[in-house]
């Protein structure tokens, strides 16, 4: 399936947001996620189904200041 990940086209096999994050190596990372502009809480990622063309944002928190 083709999605847009952080503004770039990306081919993925997973059907859920959780599965795609694992596929892309984010399973251990503490990140915030959004699909098509809507925030997706960690507890809802497994049940959040992705469709071809969905826009997914994965954002890692920054430290410092």
N, C-alpha and C. Protein backbone atom coordinates (compact mmCIF):
# COMPACT_ATOMS: atom_id res chain seq x y z
N UNK A 1 0.86 -1.16 0.00
CA UNK A 1 0.00 0.00 0.00
C UNK A 1 0.90 1.22 0.00
N UNK A 2 0.49 2.25 -0.68
CA UNK A 2 1.23 3.50 -0.77
C UNK A 2 0.62 4.53 0.20
N UNK A 3 1.45 5.03 1.12
CA UNK A 3 1.03 6.11 2.02
C UNK A 3 2.00 7.27 1.85
N UNK A 4 1.70 8.38 2.48
CA UNK A 4 2.62 9.51 2.52
C UNK A 4 3.08 9.61 3.96
N UNK A 5 4.36 9.36 4.20
CA UNK A 5 4.93 9.36 5.54
C UNK A 5 5.81 10.60 5.70
N UNK A 6 5.40 11.47 6.61
CA UNK A 6 6.14 12.71 6.86
C UNK A 6 6.43 13.46 5.56
N UNK A 7 5.42 13.49 4.69
CA UNK A 7 5.52 14.26 3.46
C UNK A 7 6.17 13.55 2.29
N UNK A 8 6.56 12.27 2.47
CA UNK A 8 7.22 11.53 1.39
C UNK A 8 6.47 10.23 1.09
N UNK A 9 6.36 9.87 -0.18
CA UNK A 9 5.71 8.61 -0.52
C UNK A 9 6.45 7.43 0.10
N UNK A 10 5.68 6.44 0.56
CA UNK A 10 6.27 5.29 1.24
C UNK A 10 5.40 4.07 0.97
N UNK A 11 6.03 2.98 0.55
CA UNK A 11 5.32 1.73 0.31
C UNK A 11 5.40 0.89 1.58
N UNK A 12 4.25 0.45 2.10
CA UNK A 12 4.21 -0.36 3.33
C UNK A 12 3.30 -1.56 3.13
N UNK A 13 3.54 -2.59 3.95
CA UNK A 13 2.71 -3.80 3.88
C UNK A 13 1.64 -3.82 4.96
N UNK A 14 1.90 -3.15 6.09
CA UNK A 14 0.97 -3.17 7.22
C UNK A 14 -0.35 -2.52 6.91
N UNK A 15 -1.40 -3.00 7.60
CA UNK A 15 -2.74 -2.44 7.40
C UNK A 15 -3.15 -1.52 8.54
N UNK A 16 -2.48 -1.65 9.69
CA UNK A 16 -2.80 -0.79 10.84
C UNK A 16 -1.65 0.18 11.08
N UNK A 17 -1.93 1.26 11.76
CA UNK A 17 -0.89 2.23 12.09
C UNK A 17 0.18 1.57 12.94
N UNK A 18 -0.22 0.77 13.89
CA UNK A 18 0.72 0.05 14.76
C UNK A 18 1.63 -0.86 13.93
N UNK A 19 1.06 -1.59 13.01
CA UNK A 19 1.83 -2.49 12.15
C UNK A 19 2.82 -1.74 11.27
N UNK A 20 2.40 -0.61 10.74
CA UNK A 20 3.29 0.19 9.90
C UNK A 20 4.43 0.77 10.73
N UNK A 21 4.15 1.23 11.94
CA UNK A 21 5.22 1.75 12.80
C UNK A 21 6.24 0.67 13.10
N UNK A 22 5.78 -0.55 13.36
CA UNK A 22 6.70 -1.66 13.61
C UNK A 22 7.51 -1.97 12.36
N UNK A 23 6.84 -2.01 11.23
CA UNK A 23 7.50 -2.29 9.96
C UNK A 23 8.61 -1.28 9.66
N UNK A 24 8.40 -0.03 10.03
CA UNK A 24 9.35 1.04 9.74
C UNK A 24 10.39 1.25 10.85
N UNK A 25 10.33 0.42 11.91
CA UNK A 25 11.35 0.49 12.95
C UNK A 25 11.06 1.46 14.09
N UNK A 26 9.81 1.89 14.23
CA UNK A 26 9.43 2.83 15.29
C UNK A 26 8.86 2.15 16.53
N UNK A 27 8.83 0.81 16.60
CA UNK A 27 8.14 0.12 17.68
C UNK A 27 8.68 0.47 19.06
N UNK A 28 9.95 0.76 19.21
CA UNK A 28 10.54 1.08 20.52
C UNK A 28 10.58 2.59 20.78
N UNK A 29 10.39 3.38 19.77
CA UNK A 29 10.52 4.83 19.90
C UNK A 29 9.27 5.46 20.52
N UNK A 30 9.50 6.51 21.29
CA UNK A 30 8.39 7.29 21.83
C UNK A 30 8.10 8.39 20.83
N UNK A 31 6.98 8.24 20.14
CA UNK A 31 6.62 9.17 19.08
C UNK A 31 5.15 9.56 19.19
N UNK A 32 4.83 10.69 18.60
CA UNK A 32 3.44 11.10 18.43
C UNK A 32 3.06 10.77 16.99
N UNK A 33 1.80 10.41 16.78
CA UNK A 33 1.37 10.03 15.44
C UNK A 33 0.07 10.75 15.06
N UNK A 34 -0.05 10.96 13.76
CA UNK A 34 -1.27 11.55 13.20
C UNK A 34 -1.55 10.88 11.86
N UNK A 35 -2.82 10.71 11.55
CA UNK A 35 -3.24 10.18 10.26
C UNK A 35 -4.21 11.18 9.65
N UNK A 36 -3.88 11.64 8.46
CA UNK A 36 -4.70 12.62 7.74
C UNK A 36 -5.02 13.84 8.62
N UNK A 37 -4.02 14.27 9.39
CA UNK A 37 -4.15 15.48 10.20
C UNK A 37 -4.76 15.29 11.56
N UNK A 38 -5.21 14.09 11.90
CA UNK A 38 -5.82 13.83 13.20
C UNK A 38 -4.90 13.04 14.11
N UNK A 39 -4.68 13.53 15.33
CA UNK A 39 -3.82 12.86 16.30
C UNK A 39 -4.35 11.46 16.59
N UNK A 40 -3.44 10.49 16.69
CA UNK A 40 -3.81 9.11 17.05
C UNK A 40 -3.03 8.73 18.30
N UNK A 41 -3.73 8.52 19.40
CA UNK A 41 -3.10 8.14 20.66
C UNK A 41 -2.49 6.75 20.55
N UNK A 42 -1.45 6.50 21.34
CA UNK A 42 -0.74 5.22 21.32
C UNK A 42 -1.72 4.04 21.46
N UNK A 43 -2.67 4.13 22.35
CA UNK A 43 -3.61 3.05 22.60
C UNK A 43 -4.57 2.77 21.45
N UNK A 44 -4.65 3.68 20.48
CA UNK A 44 -5.57 3.50 19.35
C UNK A 44 -4.86 3.10 18.06
N UNK A 45 -3.55 2.99 18.11
CA UNK A 45 -2.78 2.71 16.88
C UNK A 45 -3.09 1.34 16.29
N UNK A 46 -3.27 0.32 17.13
CA UNK A 46 -3.53 -1.03 16.63
C UNK A 46 -4.87 -1.12 15.89
N UNK A 47 -5.84 -0.33 16.31
CA UNK A 47 -7.15 -0.38 15.66
C UNK A 47 -7.33 0.69 14.58
N UNK A 48 -6.31 1.52 14.36
CA UNK A 48 -6.37 2.54 13.32
C UNK A 48 -5.92 1.93 12.00
N UNK A 49 -6.87 1.69 11.11
CA UNK A 49 -6.60 1.08 9.81
C UNK A 49 -6.18 2.17 8.83
N UNK A 50 -5.17 1.84 8.03
CA UNK A 50 -4.69 2.76 7.01
C UNK A 50 -5.21 2.35 5.65
N UNK A 51 -5.36 3.34 4.79
CA UNK A 51 -5.81 3.11 3.42
C UNK A 51 -4.79 3.70 2.46
N UNK A 52 -4.80 3.19 1.27
CA UNK A 52 -3.91 3.71 0.23
C UNK A 52 -4.07 5.23 0.13
N UNK A 53 -2.95 5.95 0.17
CA UNK A 53 -2.97 7.40 0.04
C UNK A 53 -3.05 8.17 1.35
N UNK A 54 -3.24 7.47 2.48
CA UNK A 54 -3.31 8.17 3.77
C UNK A 54 -2.01 8.92 4.05
N UNK A 55 -2.15 10.06 4.73
CA UNK A 55 -1.00 10.86 5.14
C UNK A 55 -0.72 10.56 6.62
N UNK A 56 0.46 10.03 6.89
CA UNK A 56 0.86 9.65 8.25
C UNK A 56 2.02 10.53 8.68
N UNK A 57 1.90 11.10 9.87
CA UNK A 57 2.98 11.89 10.45
C UNK A 57 3.48 11.16 11.69
N UNK A 58 4.79 11.01 11.80
CA UNK A 58 5.43 10.41 12.96
C UNK A 58 6.42 11.46 13.49
N UNK A 59 6.19 11.90 14.72
CA UNK A 59 6.97 13.01 15.28
C UNK A 59 7.62 12.57 16.58
N UNK A 60 8.93 12.70 16.64
CA UNK A 60 9.68 12.37 17.86
C UNK A 60 9.84 13.66 18.68
N UNK A 61 9.62 13.58 20.00
CA UNK A 61 9.79 14.77 20.83
C UNK A 61 11.25 15.21 20.86
N UNK A 62 11.45 16.50 20.95
CA UNK A 62 12.80 17.06 21.03
C UNK A 62 13.09 17.46 22.47
N UNK A 63 14.32 17.28 22.88
CA UNK A 63 14.73 17.67 24.22
C UNK A 63 15.65 18.88 24.13
N UNK A 64 15.75 19.56 25.23
CA UNK A 64 16.62 20.73 25.28
C UNK A 64 15.83 22.00 25.24
N UNK A 65 16.51 23.06 25.08
CA UNK A 65 15.75 24.31 25.02
C UNK A 65 16.61 25.43 25.13
